[in-house]
Amino acid sequence: METLRLSGLSVGEVHDSRDNFYNPRRGIFANADLAAYGEAIGSQAAFLKFFSQGSLFRKVPGTASGPSRSGWGWRIRSACPIPCLSRSGSTPEGTRR
């Protein structure tokens, strides 16, 4: 088994407008993260990685708003590695698709 050393830097953002942390009825929860891996910081592969996730919460029409709260949630997730060129002008073996 061959090993690949990865070293990277990342930045992320979170947005949370849910009305209740444990049982949300409305609002949005979203986050995004962008990471860069490169030879300049000790990585054997050079690429960017983007990950995002989002959830939308809405009250179901026609439901009571008592102790038994009903709602609808929708979630999207995505992750995308983006190969970059190394200093030698090519991507390292094992990172090509």
Protein backbone atom coordinates (compact mmCIF):
# COMPACT_ATOMS: atom_id res chain seq x y z
CA MET A 1 0.00 0.00 0.00
CA GLU A 2 1.41 3.37 -1.02
CA THR A 3 0.99 6.38 1.24
CA LEU A 4 0.40 9.96 0.18
CA ARG A 5 1.29 12.87 2.46
CA LEU A 6 -1.29 15.68 2.42
CA SER A 7 -0.88 19.08 4.00
CA GLY A 8 -3.41 21.85 3.52
CA LEU A 9 -5.03 25.05 4.70
CA SER A 10 -8.77 25.61 4.86
CA VAL A 11 -11.34 28.30 5.52
CA GLY A 12 -15.01 27.79 6.36
CA GLU A 13 -18.25 29.65 6.96
CA VAL A 14 -21.42 28.68 8.86
CA HIS A 15 -24.89 30.28 8.70
CA ASP A 16 -27.60 29.26 11.18
CA SER A 17 -31.02 30.93 11.28
CA ARG A 18 -33.03 27.99 12.71
CA ASP A 19 -35.68 28.88 15.28
CA ASN A 20 -34.74 25.93 17.53
CA PHE A 21 -31.43 24.08 17.68
CA TYR A 22 -32.90 20.67 18.63
CA ASN A 23 -36.24 20.71 16.80
CA PRO A 24 -36.27 23.42 14.10
CA ARG A 25 -39.55 24.43 12.43
CA ARG A 26 -38.15 27.10 10.18
CA GLY A 27 -34.84 28.56 9.13
CA ILE A 28 -31.67 27.66 7.31
CA PHE A 29 -28.50 25.89 8.36
CA ALA A 30 -25.65 26.06 5.83
CA ASN A 31 -21.90 25.64 5.86
CA ALA A 32 -19.10 25.72 3.31
CA ASP A 33 -15.42 24.80 3.47
CA LEU A 34 -12.63 25.44 0.96
CA ALA A 35 -9.28 23.68 1.43
CA ALA A 36 -6.07 24.05 -0.59
CA TYR A 37 -3.36 21.37 -0.66
CA GLY A 38 0.01 22.10 -2.25
CA GLU A 39 3.71 21.33 -2.46
CA ALA A 40 4.58 24.74 -0.95
CA ILE A 41 3.12 23.60 2.41
CA GLY A 42 4.46 20.04 2.35
CA SER A 43 1.81 18.11 0.42
CA GLN A 44 2.65 15.49 -2.21
CA ALA A 45 -0.51 16.37 -4.16
CA ALA A 46 -1.83 19.75 -5.27
CA PHE A 47 -5.59 20.27 -5.37
CA LEU A 48 -8.50 22.32 -4.03
CA LYS A 49 -11.39 20.74 -2.13
CA PHE A 50 -14.78 22.38 -1.74
CA PHE A 51 -17.47 20.99 0.59
CA SER A 52 -20.86 22.50 1.31
CA GLN A 53 -24.00 21.39 3.10
CA GLY A 54 -27.32 23.11 3.58
CA SER A 55 -30.64 22.42 5.26
CA LEU A 56 -33.92 24.31 4.84
CA PHE A 57 -36.65 23.95 7.48
CA ARG A 58 -40.30 24.94 7.00
CA LYS A 59 -43.46 24.27 9.00
CA VAL A 60 -45.80 21.81 7.28
CA PRO A 61 -49.01 23.69 6.34
CA GLY A 62 -52.13 22.66 8.24
CA THR A 63 -50.34 21.18 11.27
CA ALA A 64 -50.95 22.20 14.86
CA SER A 65 -48.32 24.27 16.60
CA GLY A 66 -48.66 22.53 19.98
CA PRO A 67 -46.21 20.20 21.74
CA SER A 68 -46.10 17.85 18.73
CA ARG A 69 -44.44 20.09 16.20
CA SER A 70 -44.27 18.99 12.57
CA GLY A 71 -41.89 20.30 9.98
CA TRP A 72 -40.21 19.57 6.72
CA GLY A 73 -36.44 19.54 6.19
CA TRP A 74 -34.44 19.55 2.98
CA ARG A 75 -30.71 18.89 2.87
CA ILE A 76 -28.10 19.22 0.14
CA ARG A 77 -24.48 18.04 0.39
CA SER A 78 -21.69 18.36 -2.12
CA ALA A 79 -17.96 17.82 -2.21
CA CYS A 80 -15.67 18.47 -5.14
CA PRO A 81 -11.89 17.89 -5.39
CA ILE A 82 -10.32 20.08 -8.09
CA PRO A 83 -6.90 18.89 -9.38
CA CYS A 84 -4.24 21.59 -9.75
CA LEU A 85 -0.90 21.53 -11.50
CA SER A 86 2.18 20.88 -9.41
CA ARG A 87 5.44 22.80 -9.87
CA SER A 88 6.55 20.19 -12.39
CA GLY A 89 3.48 20.97 -14.53
CA SER A 90 1.54 17.74 -13.96
CA THR A 91 -0.67 16.24 -11.30
CA PRO A 92 0.87 13.49 -9.13
CA GLU A 93 0.02 9.86 -9.82
CA GLY A 94 -3.08 8.74 -7.95
CA THR A 95 -4.75 12.18 -8.07
CA ARG A 96 -5.81 11.95 -11.73
CA ARG A 97 -9.36 10.93 -12.53
